């Protein structure tokens, strides 16, 4: 599902250790890379849906409402009873440099049994994250088998697996998004 982020702006650079940095809370907007792609696709006129996991906490409600505000279908989001929805804390310094702290929860990425691959037959594009390479590869293969194109968000944490581990997933990828740093 969508992640929930706490965004803070600090007055000191994030380029070194900071013992105590004053800041301003900007809010707690819903977000996450998969949610961003879905919302952007919807704003561009595409029909978009999200497959994911959320808990039964206030973060889940906000994440789902945030997606629905962008007309992203959330009917495929798996709700985990008593689960804790993923969120992260984003810190921005005055130059715009950011640091993220992802909070480990039981509702971060969709699991294979959360996904009905038959829904991919209705999709033109399926966007995957490479955090769990096995699920990402399976998802991409199932999407391709049903005629959908696949896009992949290749984060540094995914690239750290190395080219040999990524090659099967990359071979199924039509559109690759990479971080510039």
Protein backbone atom coordinates (compact mmCIF):
# COMPACT_ATOMS: atom_id res chain seq x y z
CA UNK A 1 0.00 0.00 0.00
CA UNK A 2 0.99 3.59 0.16
CA UNK A 3 3.47 4.66 2.75
CA UNK A 4 2.95 7.47 5.19
CA UNK A 5 5.78 9.97 5.59
CA UNK A 6 6.53 12.52 8.26
CA UNK A 7 8.27 15.45 6.57
CA UNK A 8 10.45 17.79 8.60
CA UNK A 9 12.52 20.75 7.46
CA UNK A 10 15.68 21.45 9.40
CA UNK A 11 17.81 24.54 9.46
CA UNK A 12 21.17 22.74 9.36
CA UNK A 13 22.76 20.68 6.57
CA UNK A 14 22.45 16.89 6.69
CA UNK A 15 26.02 16.31 5.50
CA UNK A 16 27.47 15.36 8.86
CA UNK A 17 26.57 14.21 12.33
CA UNK A 18 24.04 16.47 13.99
CA UNK A 19 23.43 15.99 17.67
CA UNK A 20 20.30 18.09 17.86
CA UNK A 21 18.84 19.86 14.84
CA UNK A 22 15.88 22.21 15.20
CA UNK A 23 13.22 21.78 12.55
CA UNK A 24 9.65 22.39 11.49
CA UNK A 25 7.07 19.67 10.89
CA UNK A 26 5.56 20.18 7.43
CA UNK A 27 3.00 17.42 7.75
CA UNK A 28 2.43 13.71 7.35
CA UNK A 29 1.39 13.23 3.71
CA UNK A 30 0.89 9.78 2.18
CA UNK A 31 3.52 8.74 -0.33
CA UNK A 32 5.92 6.05 -1.47
CA UNK A 33 7.36 5.26 -4.89
CA UNK A 34 4.60 2.86 -5.96
CA UNK A 35 1.92 5.27 -4.75
CA UNK A 36 3.62 8.15 -6.57
CA UNK A 37 3.64 6.21 -9.85
CA UNK A 38 -0.04 5.31 -9.44
CA UNK A 39 -1.05 8.87 -8.61
CA UNK A 40 1.00 10.29 -11.48
CA UNK A 41 -0.50 7.79 -13.94
CA UNK A 42 -3.98 8.70 -12.75
CA UNK A 43 -3.29 12.42 -13.12
CA UNK A 44 -2.12 11.74 -16.69
CA UNK A 45 -5.47 10.14 -17.49
CA UNK A 46 -4.67 6.45 -16.99
CA UNK A 47 -6.69 4.10 -14.86
CA UNK A 48 -4.45 3.15 -11.93
CA UNK A 49 -4.67 0.59 -9.14
CA UNK A 50 -2.41 -0.27 -6.22
CA UNK A 51 -1.49 -3.72 -4.97
CA UNK A 52 0.00 -3.58 -1.51
CA UNK A 53 -0.36 -4.13 2.21
CA UNK A 54 -1.59 -1.87 4.97
CA UNK A 55 -2.47 -2.45 8.58
CA UNK A 56 -5.54 -1.35 10.48
CA UNK A 57 -3.92 1.75 11.93
CA UNK A 58 -4.40 5.49 11.24
CA UNK A 59 -1.49 5.41 8.73
CA UNK A 60 -3.43 2.88 6.63
CA UNK A 61 -6.51 5.05 6.55
CA UNK A 62 -4.48 8.09 5.48
CA UNK A 63 -2.54 6.12 2.85
CA UNK A 64 -5.69 4.67 1.30
CA UNK A 65 -7.49 8.02 1.37
CA UNK A 66 -4.45 9.66 -0.25
CA UNK A 67 -4.53 7.16 -3.11
CA UNK A 68 -8.30 7.46 -3.48
CA UNK A 69 -7.97 11.27 -3.63
CA UNK A 70 -5.97 10.67 -6.84
CA UNK A 71 -8.55 8.18 -8.16
CA UNK A 72 -6.21 5.23 -7.63
CA UNK A 73 -8.19 2.00 -7.13
CA UNK A 74 -7.30 0.54 -3.70
CA UNK A 75 -9.49 -2.56 -3.90
CA UNK A 76 -6.38 -4.73 -4.43
CA UNK A 77 -4.67 -3.51 -1.26
CA UNK A 78 -4.48 -6.29 1.34
CA UNK A 79 -5.50 -5.13 4.83
CA UNK A 80 -3.62 -7.00 7.56
CA UNK A 81 -5.66 -7.20 10.78
CA UNK A 82 -3.72 -5.54 13.62
CA UNK A 83 -0.91 -4.79 11.12
CA UNK A 84 1.28 -1.70 11.21
CA UNK A 85 1.40 0.28 7.96
CA UNK A 86 4.83 1.20 6.61
CA UNK A 87 5.97 4.79 6.96
CA UNK A 88 9.17 6.76 6.86
CA UNK A 89 10.50 9.98 8.30
CA UNK A 90 11.92 12.39 5.72
CA UNK A 91 14.24 15.15 6.83
CA UNK A 92 15.03 18.04 4.49
CA UNK A 93 17.69 20.62 5.13
CA UNK A 94 17.49 24.21 3.92
CA UNK A 95 19.26 23.27 0.65
CA UNK A 96 16.66 20.57 -0.16
CA UNK A 97 18.98 17.65 0.64
CA UNK A 98 17.02 14.81 2.19
CA UNK A 99 17.55 11.91 4.53
CA UNK A 100 14.96 9.16 5.00
CA UNK A 101 14.43 6.79 7.87
CA UNK A 102 12.19 3.88 6.88
CA UNK A 103 10.37 2.34 9.82
CA UNK A 104 10.32 -1.45 9.59
CA UNK A 105 6.74 -2.72 9.87
CA UNK A 106 4.85 -5.88 8.95
CA UNK A 107 2.98 -4.07 6.14
CA UNK A 108 5.63 -2.75 3.79
CA UNK A 109 5.72 -4.66 0.51
CA UNK A 110 3.08 -6.90 -0.99
CA UNK A 111 3.76 -10.60 -0.63
CA UNK A 112 3.27 -13.05 -3.43
CA UNK A 113 0.05 -14.39 -1.89
CA UNK A 114 -1.34 -10.81 -1.78
CA UNK A 115 -1.21 -10.65 -5.58
CA UNK A 116 -3.71 -12.18 -8.00
CA UNK A 117 -1.70 -12.26 -11.23
CA UNK A 118 -4.88 -12.41 -13.32
CA UNK A 119 -5.41 -8.68 -12.65
CA UNK A 120 -2.34 -8.03 -14.83
CA UNK A 121 -4.36 -9.05 -17.90
CA UNK A 122 -6.21 -5.73 -17.54
CA UNK A 123 -3.00 -3.70 -17.17
CA UNK A 124 -0.91 -1.98 -19.82
CA UNK A 125 1.92 -1.34 -17.34
CA UNK A 126 2.83 -2.91 -14.00
CA UNK A 127 5.30 -0.97 -11.84
CA UNK A 128 7.47 -2.95 -9.41
CA UNK A 129 9.99 -2.14 -6.73
CA UNK A 130 13.05 -4.35 -6.37
CA UNK A 131 13.13 -4.46 -2.58
CA UNK A 132 12.12 -8.14 -2.63
CA UNK A 133 13.76 -9.49 -5.78
CA UNK A 134 11.87 -12.78 -5.76
CA UNK A 135 8.44 -11.15 -5.58
CA UNK A 136 9.46 -8.43 -8.04
CA UNK A 137 10.72 -11.01 -10.56
CA UNK A 138 7.61 -13.18 -10.15
CA UNK A 139 5.35 -10.14 -10.53
CA UNK A 140 7.20 -8.96 -13.64
CA UNK A 141 7.07 -12.43 -15.21
CA UNK A 142 3.34 -12.79 -14.49
CA UNK A 143 2.65 -9.31 -15.88
CA UNK A 144 4.64 -9.97 -19.06
CA UNK A 145 2.89 -13.34 -19.52
CA UNK A 146 -0.42 -11.46 -19.55
CA UNK A 147 0.72 -8.83 -22.05
CA UNK A 148 1.60 -5.95 -19.72
CA UNK A 149 4.76 -3.92 -19.86
CA UNK A 150 6.87 -3.68 -16.71
CA UNK A 151 8.56 -0.69 -15.14
CA UNK A 152 11.07 -0.98 -12.32
CA UNK A 153 12.21 1.54 -9.74
CA UNK A 154 15.87 0.67 -9.22
CA UNK A 155 16.86 2.10 -5.84
CA UNK A 156 20.41 1.92 -4.51
CA UNK A 157 19.35 -0.81 -2.08
CA UNK A 158 18.14 -2.91 -5.03
CA UNK A 159 21.23 -2.22 -7.14
CA UNK A 160 23.37 -3.38 -4.20
CA UNK A 161 22.26 -6.95 -4.98
CA UNK A 162 24.57 -6.80 -8.01
CA UNK A 163 24.04 -7.27 -11.72
CA UNK A 164 23.97 -11.08 -11.61
CA UNK A 165 21.06 -11.05 -9.14
CA UNK A 166 19.25 -8.26 -11.04
CA UNK A 167 19.68 -9.63 -14.56
CA UNK A 168 16.51 -11.82 -14.53
CA UNK A 169 14.36 -8.90 -13.37
CA UNK A 170 16.04 -6.41 -15.72
CA UNK A 171 15.41 -8.76 -18.67
CA UNK A 172 11.66 -8.37 -18.02
CA UNK A 173 11.80 -4.59 -17.56
CA UNK A 174 10.55 -2.24 -20.29
CA UNK A 175 11.00 1.06 -18.40
CA UNK A 176 13.71 1.56 -15.79
CA UNK A 177 13.70 4.40 -13.25
CA UNK A 178 17.03 5.09 -11.57
CA UNK A 179 18.14 7.47 -8.86
CA UNK A 180 20.53 10.12 -10.14
CA UNK A 181 22.95 9.80 -7.23
